[in-house]
């Protein structure tokens, strides 16, 4: 038996009793009292059977769907807005209660409905903006660029984050691990650059910008290292990369990026750079010469007869005489490893058992 059927039966019984009670008080000639009670009872039962779900289960089901589909932050801000609106209405009702009747009775109620509706609507529609500015209102004023070397963060290390590192996305996973021992700072001009990308007419650039904004939001919620967005700028400097380098020198801060050109420019000017690509290459598994591994050969190499495969971390392995084993898994022996600007690359030969 479904909940809707149960409520139909409850409504049918309840309204039939109400109808019978009403029929007992209102006898309609030429019907007898018993006939009137029976008639009104049947009308009440039929009304309850048909209309009860529209006042019970169906509104509850619609409310449940709305609550389920509405983001949690919107629900929270809407509840806060409702409480704030009711508090304002309660304060305003004090002088209104001094008015003569019936104004002192109706105006506070009307005011409560108006303020409640307006506050819930405003807080729900601007939920994202309110959540974004709430941390700024609750924390103390940020130091300026001149006083930035005396960091308020316990670790003392300040790291300026480039837009390329944000859009890349790996910074989110790194910040969750706790390996970053410092304060991640996103200057306002970097945030504006990402926002310009998000509004770009080119679909690819627009998607990259929106991804960067999403990464920033997740970092502020989940990063183990403090993440701050400061209103910092460098006068008389137009290029974003040059601003980052100059600001890093002013603040005695590190620079986090994936841009190789920016890394070289900053290093030449004495700024210490953290390159996520360098970190990714450094943590890749090291395979020693003469070590035997199982490799899936997926393509042919540049030289005749060569095959290409990849390790789980994306490192390329070039297999001598591996072309004839494309789309197969074979055992190979690592011969040597070379380091390129793009990372490690291994050269291997087929294991003796794979040649058979």
Protein backbone atom coordinates (compact mmCIF):
# COMPACT_ATOMS: atom_id res chain seq x y z
CA UNK A 1 0.00 0.00 0.00
CA UNK A 2 1.49 3.31 -1.09
CA UNK A 3 1.64 6.42 1.05
CA UNK A 4 -0.67 8.24 -1.38
CA UNK A 5 -3.36 5.57 -1.00
CA UNK A 6 -3.04 5.72 2.79
CA UNK A 7 -3.50 9.49 2.76
CA UNK A 8 -6.48 9.13 0.40
CA UNK A 9 -8.14 6.76 2.87
CA UNK A 10 -7.33 9.04 5.81
CA UNK A 11 -8.74 12.05 3.93
CA UNK A 12 -11.81 10.10 2.89
CA UNK A 13 -12.59 9.04 6.47
CA UNK A 14 -11.82 12.46 7.94
CA UNK A 15 -13.87 14.47 5.44
CA UNK A 16 -16.74 11.97 5.57
CA UNK A 17 -16.97 12.58 9.34
CA UNK A 18 -16.81 16.34 8.77
CA UNK A 19 -19.48 16.10 6.09
CA UNK A 20 -21.69 13.97 8.30
CA UNK A 21 -21.29 16.48 11.13
CA UNK A 22 -22.15 19.33 8.82
CA UNK A 23 -25.17 17.41 7.45
CA UNK A 24 -26.46 16.84 10.97
CA UNK A 25 -26.55 20.61 11.54
CA UNK A 26 -28.01 21.44 8.13
CA UNK A 27 -31.08 19.42 7.19
CA UNK A 28 -32.14 20.03 3.58
CA UNK A 29 -35.92 19.48 3.04
CA UNK A 30 -37.52 17.28 1.84
CA UNK A 31 -34.59 15.03 2.92
CA UNK A 32 -34.71 13.54 6.37
CA UNK A 33 -31.91 14.18 8.89
CA UNK A 34 -30.44 10.70 8.30
CA UNK A 35 -30.50 11.18 4.51
CA UNK A 36 -28.78 14.56 4.82
CA UNK A 37 -26.07 13.11 7.06
CA UNK A 38 -25.52 10.26 4.60
CA UNK A 39 -25.43 12.59 1.58
CA UNK A 40 -22.95 15.04 3.13
CA UNK A 41 -20.87 12.15 4.45
CA UNK A 42 -20.60 10.60 0.98
CA UNK A 43 -19.71 13.98 -0.58
CA UNK A 44 -17.03 14.48 2.09
CA UNK A 45 -15.65 10.97 1.55
CA UNK A 46 -15.49 11.46 -2.22
CA UNK A 47 -13.84 14.87 -1.80
CA UNK A 48 -11.25 13.45 0.59
CA UNK A 49 -10.51 10.50 -1.68
CA UNK A 50 -9.88 12.76 -4.69
CA UNK A 51 -8.28 15.89 -3.25
CA UNK A 52 -6.22 14.68 -0.27
CA UNK A 53 -3.03 13.85 -2.31
CA UNK A 54 -2.99 17.41 -3.69
CA UNK A 55 -2.57 18.75 -0.15
CA UNK A 56 -0.33 16.02 1.32
CA UNK A 57 1.86 13.62 -0.68
CA UNK A 58 2.19 15.56 -3.93
CA UNK A 59 3.37 18.86 -2.36
CA UNK A 60 5.74 16.82 -0.17
CA UNK A 61 7.08 14.98 -3.24
CA UNK A 62 7.55 18.26 -5.12
CA UNK A 63 9.29 19.83 -2.12
CA UNK A 64 11.59 16.80 -1.82
CA UNK A 65 12.51 17.05 -5.52
CA UNK A 66 13.28 20.77 -5.19
CA UNK A 67 15.41 20.19 -2.08
CA UNK A 68 17.26 17.31 -3.74
CA UNK A 69 18.03 19.28 -6.92
CA UNK A 70 18.96 22.53 -5.15
CA UNK A 71 22.68 22.85 -4.30
CA UNK A 72 23.51 22.62 -0.60
CA UNK A 73 25.07 26.09 -0.52
CA UNK A 74 21.85 27.59 -1.92
CA UNK A 75 19.77 25.87 0.77
CA UNK A 76 22.08 27.05 3.54
CA UNK A 77 22.16 30.65 2.34
CA UNK A 78 18.37 30.64 1.85
CA UNK A 79 17.85 29.50 5.47
CA UNK A 80 20.27 32.16 6.70
CA UNK A 81 18.43 34.74 4.61
CA UNK A 82 15.07 33.64 6.05
CA UNK A 83 16.35 33.97 9.63
CA UNK A 84 17.81 37.40 8.87
CA UNK A 85 14.59 38.57 7.20
CA UNK A 86 12.47 37.38 10.14
CA UNK A 87 14.83 39.11 12.57
CA UNK A 88 14.52 42.41 10.67
CA UNK A 89 10.73 42.02 10.52
CA UNK A 90 10.61 41.33 14.27
CA UNK A 91 12.57 44.52 14.98
CA UNK A 92 10.35 46.54 12.66
CA UNK A 93 7.17 45.13 14.22
CA UNK A 94 7.93 46.78 17.58
CA UNK A 95 7.04 50.34 16.48
CA UNK A 96 4.24 49.01 14.26
CA UNK A 97 2.57 47.39 17.26
CA UNK A 98 1.97 50.89 18.67
CA UNK A 99 -0.35 51.77 15.78
CA UNK A 100 -4.11 51.62 16.30
CA UNK A 101 -6.04 48.42 15.41
CA UNK A 102 -6.25 46.72 13.00
CA UNK A 103 -2.95 48.12 11.63
CA UNK A 104 -0.98 46.90 14.64
CA UNK A 105 -2.23 43.37 13.95
CA UNK A 106 -1.87 43.10 10.19
CA UNK A 107 1.19 45.21 9.34
CA UNK A 108 3.72 43.08 11.33
CA UNK A 109 2.44 39.93 9.60
CA UNK A 110 2.61 41.53 6.15
CA UNK A 111 6.08 42.88 6.92
CA UNK A 112 7.24 39.44 8.04
CA UNK A 113 6.05 37.86 4.78
CA UNK A 114 7.68 40.56 2.64
CA UNK A 115 11.04 40.50 4.42
CA UNK A 116 11.06 36.70 4.58
CA UNK A 117 10.40 36.37 0.85
CA UNK A 118 12.87 39.07 -0.19
CA UNK A 119 15.70 37.80 2.01
CA UNK A 120 15.27 34.17 0.93
CA UNK A 121 15.17 35.20 -2.75
CA UNK A 122 18.23 37.45 -2.53
CA UNK A 123 20.33 35.00 -0.52
CA UNK A 124 19.38 32.05 -2.76
CA UNK A 125 20.09 33.86 -6.03
CA UNK A 126 23.47 35.20 -4.83
CA UNK A 127 24.53 32.07 -2.91
CA UNK A 128 27.83 31.63 -4.79
CA UNK A 129 28.81 35.28 -4.32
CA UNK A 130 27.96 35.19 -0.60
CA UNK A 131 30.00 32.02 -0.05
CA UNK A 132 32.91 33.52 -1.98
CA UNK A 133 33.04 36.76 0.05
CA UNK A 134 32.20 35.26 3.45
CA UNK A 135 35.82 34.19 4.23
CA UNK A 136 37.05 37.68 3.35
CA UNK A 137 34.62 39.26 5.81
CA UNK A 138 35.50 36.86 8.62
CA UNK A 139 39.31 36.97 8.42
CA UNK A 140 41.53 39.93 9.39
CA UNK A 141 42.78 42.41 6.75
CA UNK A 142 45.41 41.06 4.40
CA UNK A 143 48.94 42.48 4.41
CA UNK A 144 49.96 44.64 1.45
CA UNK A 145 52.63 43.66 -1.03
CA UNK A 146 55.16 45.80 0.86
CA UNK A 147 54.56 43.98 4.13
CA UNK A 148 54.08 40.58 2.47
CA UNK A 149 57.48 39.11 3.50
CA UNK A 150 56.29 39.20 7.11
CA UNK A 151 53.68 36.54 6.37
CA UNK A 152 50.83 35.88 8.76
CA UNK A 153 50.97 32.20 7.87
CA UNK A 154 52.75 30.02 10.42
CA UNK A 155 54.90 28.36 7.80
CA UNK A 156 56.19 31.72 6.54
CA UNK A 157 56.55 30.60 2.89
CA UNK A 158 54.40 32.39 0.34
CA UNK A 159 53.80 30.90 -3.09
CA UNK A 160 52.41 32.96 -5.97
CA UNK A 161 50.28 30.80 -8.26
CA UNK A 162 50.34 31.32 -12.03
CA UNK A 163 47.19 30.86 -14.13
CA UNK A 164 48.81 28.00 -16.07
CA UNK A 165 49.19 25.99 -12.85
CA UNK A 166 45.54 26.62 -11.91
CA UNK A 167 44.11 25.68 -15.32
CA UNK A 168 46.39 22.61 -15.46
CA UNK A 169 44.40 21.19 -12.51
CA UNK A 170 47.09 19.05 -10.89
CA UNK A 171 47.65 21.73 -8.26
CA UNK A 172 44.33 20.70 -6.70
CA UNK A 173 45.48 17.13 -6.06
CA UNK A 174 48.88 18.33 -4.84
CA UNK A 175 47.31 20.82 -2.42
CA UNK A 176 45.13 18.07 -0.93
CA UNK A 177 48.12 15.90 -0.02
CA UNK A 178 49.73 18.37 2.40
CA UNK A 179 53.08 18.40 0.58
CA UNK A 180 52.83 22.17 0.01
CA UNK A 181 54.21 23.79 3.15
CA UNK A 182 53.27 27.37 2.49
CA UNK A 183 50.52 29.81 1.65
CA UNK A 184 49.14 29.73 -1.90
CA UNK A 185 48.42 33.25 -3.13
CA UNK A 186 46.43 34.09 -6.25
CA UNK A 187 46.93 37.78 -7.14
CA UNK A 188 43.94 39.70 -8.43
CA UNK A 189 45.42 40.13 -11.92
CA UNK A 190 45.76 36.32 -12.24
CA UNK A 191 42.11 35.90 -11.24
CA UNK A 192 41.09 38.53 -13.79
CA UNK A 193 43.07 36.70 -16.47
CA UNK A 194 41.22 33.46 -15.74
CA UNK A 195 37.87 35.28 -15.71
CA UNK A 196 38.67 36.81 -19.12
CA UNK A 197 39.36 33.32 -20.44
CA UNK A 198 36.04 32.08 -19.02
CA UNK A 199 34.21 34.84 -20.94
CA UNK A 200 36.17 34.37 -24.18
CA UNK A 201 34.25 33.76 -27.42
CA UNK A 202 36.57 30.86 -28.32
CA UNK A 203 35.07 27.65 -26.90
CA UNK A 204 38.42 26.06 -26.05
CA UNK A 205 39.70 29.13 -24.18
CA UNK A 206 36.34 29.56 -22.48
CA UNK A 207 36.38 25.96 -21.21
CA UNK A 208 39.94 26.38 -19.92
CA UNK A 209 38.93 29.53 -18.04
CA UNK A 210 35.89 27.92 -16.49
CA UNK A 211 37.96 24.92 -15.48
CA UNK A 212 40.40 27.29 -13.76
CA UNK A 213 37.59 28.94 -11.77
CA UNK A 214 36.26 25.53 -10.72
CA UNK A 215 39.75 24.45 -9.61
CA UNK A 216 40.08 27.61 -7.50
CA UNK A 217 36.74 27.01 -5.81
CA UNK A 218 37.67 23.42 -4.95
CA UNK A 219 41.09 24.48 -3.69
CA UNK A 220 39.57 26.98 -1.29
CA UNK A 221 37.37 24.23 0.14
CA UNK A 222 39.70 21.23 0.14
CA UNK A 223 43.33 22.41 0.08
CA UNK A 224 45.40 21.63 3.18
CA UNK A 225 47.56 24.65 2.41
CA UNK A 226 45.95 28.09 2.94
CA UNK A 227 44.65 29.61 -0.29
CA UNK A 228 44.20 33.38 -0.52
CA UNK A 229 43.12 35.68 -3.32
CA UNK A 230 44.77 39.06 -2.67
CA UNK A 231 44.26 42.39 -4.36
CA UNK A 232 47.90 42.76 -5.40
CA UNK A 233 49.31 44.49 -8.47
CA UNK A 234 52.53 45.95 -9.82
CA UNK A 235 52.49 49.48 -11.17
CA UNK A 236 53.88 50.33 -14.59
CA UNK A 237 53.99 46.64 -15.62
CA UNK A 238 51.49 45.36 -18.19
CA UNK A 239 52.48 41.76 -18.97
CA UNK A 240 51.03 39.24 -16.52
CA UNK A 241 54.22 37.13 -16.45
CA UNK A 242 56.36 40.19 -15.73
CA UNK A 243 53.94 41.22 -12.97
CA UNK A 244 54.26 37.79 -11.36
CA UNK A 245 58.04 37.89 -11.41
CA UNK A 246 58.19 41.44 -10.07
CA UNK A 247 55.66 40.67 -7.33
CA UNK A 248 57.53 37.50 -6.33
CA UNK A 249 60.71 39.57 -5.95
CA UNK A 250 58.89 42.22 -3.86
CA UNK A 251 57.31 39.63 -1.57
CA UNK A 252 60.31 37.29 -1.49
CA UNK A 253 57.86 34.59 -2.58
CA UNK A 254 58.13 31.41 -4.61
CA UNK A 255 56.43 31.07 -8.00
CA UNK A 256 54.28 28.05 -8.90
CA UNK A 257 53.71 27.43 -12.61
CA UNK A 258 53.70 24.94 -15.48
CA UNK A 259 54.93 27.52 -18.03
CA UNK A 260 58.49 26.69 -19.11
CA UNK A 261 59.14 30.19 -20.49
CA UNK A 262 57.97 31.83 -17.27
CA UNK A 263 60.16 29.44 -15.30
CA UNK A 264 63.26 30.43 -17.29
CA UNK A 265 62.45 34.16 -17.05
CA UNK A 266 61.88 34.01 -13.29
CA UNK A 267 64.98 31.89 -12.66
CA UNK A 268 67.16 34.39 -14.56
CA UNK A 269 65.87 37.14 -12.24
CA UNK A 270 66.60 35.19 -9.08
CA UNK A 271 63.06 34.02 -8.31
CA UNK A 272 62.72 30.45 -7.08
CA UNK A 273 60.24 28.53 -9.22
CA UNK A 274 58.17 25.44 -8.43
CA UNK A 275 57.29 23.73 -11.72
CA UNK A 276 54.54 21.12 -11.52
CA UNK A 277 55.92 19.37 -14.60
CA UNK A 278 59.28 18.96 -12.88
CA UNK A 279 57.52 17.52 -9.84
CA UNK A 280 55.55 15.08 -12.00
CA UNK A 281 58.73 13.88 -13.70
CA UNK A 282 60.55 13.57 -10.39
CA UNK A 283 57.96 11.29 -8.81
CA UNK A 284 57.68 8.89 -11.75
CA UNK A 285 58.77 5.36 -10.99
CA UNK A 286 62.43 4.63 -11.77
CA UNK A 287 63.15 1.42 -13.67
CA UNK A 288 66.72 0.16 -13.58
CA UNK A 289 68.63 -1.22 -16.61
CA UNK A 290 68.17 -4.97 -17.17
CA UNK A 291 64.86 -4.88 -15.31
CA UNK A 292 62.10 -6.94 -16.99
CA UNK A 293 58.63 -5.39 -17.25
CA UNK A 294 55.42 -6.29 -19.06
CA UNK A 295 54.47 -3.68 -21.65
CA UNK A 296 51.51 -3.18 -23.98
CA UNK A 297 52.91 -2.20 -27.39
CA UNK A 298 50.41 0.18 -28.98
CA UNK A 299 52.17 1.86 -31.94
CA UNK A 300 55.20 1.76 -34.17
CA UNK A 301 58.24 3.93 -33.51
CA UNK A 302 60.19 6.31 -35.70
CA UNK A 303 62.87 3.83 -36.67
CA UNK A 304 62.10 0.68 -38.68
CA UNK A 305 60.90 -2.18 -36.53
CA UNK A 306 60.47 -0.13 -33.35
CA UNK A 307 57.39 -0.39 -31.17
CA UNK A 308 56.06 2.14 -28.65
CA UNK A 309 54.42 1.49 -25.30
CA UNK A 310 53.69 3.52 -22.16
CA UNK A 311 54.06 2.87 -18.45
CA UNK A 312 51.16 3.53 -16.08
CA UNK A 313 52.48 7.03 -15.34
CA UNK A 314 52.64 7.92 -19.06
CA UNK A 315 56.39 7.41 -19.56
CA UNK A 316 57.24 6.32 -23.11
CA UNK A 317 59.11 3.08 -23.73
CA UNK A 318 60.69 2.45 -27.15
CA UNK A 319 61.01 -1.29 -27.87
CA UNK A 320 63.52 -2.59 -30.39
CA UNK A 321 61.88 -5.04 -32.85
CA UNK A 322 58.57 -4.34 -31.14
CA UNK A 323 56.60 -3.39 -34.22
CA UNK A 324 55.49 -6.97 -34.90
CA UNK A 325 53.99 -7.11 -31.37
CA UNK A 326 51.67 -4.11 -31.74
CA UNK A 327 48.39 -4.56 -29.76
CA UNK A 328 50.03 -7.27 -27.65
CA UNK A 329 51.54 -7.40 -24.16
CA UNK A 330 55.14 -8.59 -24.12
CA UNK A 331 57.98 -8.85 -21.62
CA UNK A 332 60.77 -6.38 -22.35
CA UNK A 333 64.16 -5.70 -20.80
CA UNK A 334 65.04 -2.08 -20.06
CA UNK A 335 68.31 -1.18 -21.79
CA UNK A 336 68.74 2.48 -20.91
CA UNK A 337 66.93 5.65 -19.88
CA UNK A 338 67.35 9.21 -21.13
CA UNK A 339 66.06 12.46 -19.64
CA UNK A 340 64.43 14.92 -22.05
CA UNK A 341 62.74 18.27 -21.55
CA UNK A 342 59.43 16.43 -21.70
CA UNK A 343 60.46 13.84 -19.08
CA UNK A 344 62.01 10.40 -18.97
CA UNK A 345 62.12 7.98 -21.92
CA UNK A 346 63.13 4.32 -21.75
CA UNK A 347 64.63 2.11 -24.45
CA UNK A 348 64.09 -1.61 -24.23
CA UNK A 349 64.53 -4.87 -26.12
CA UNK A 350 62.30 -7.89 -26.20
CA UNK A 351 62.92 -10.45 -23.50
CA UNK A 352 64.26 -13.74 -24.86
CA UNK A 353 61.00 -15.51 -24.04
CA UNK A 354 59.02 -12.91 -26.07
CA UNK A 355 61.11 -13.55 -29.19
CA UNK A 356 60.00 -17.14 -29.35
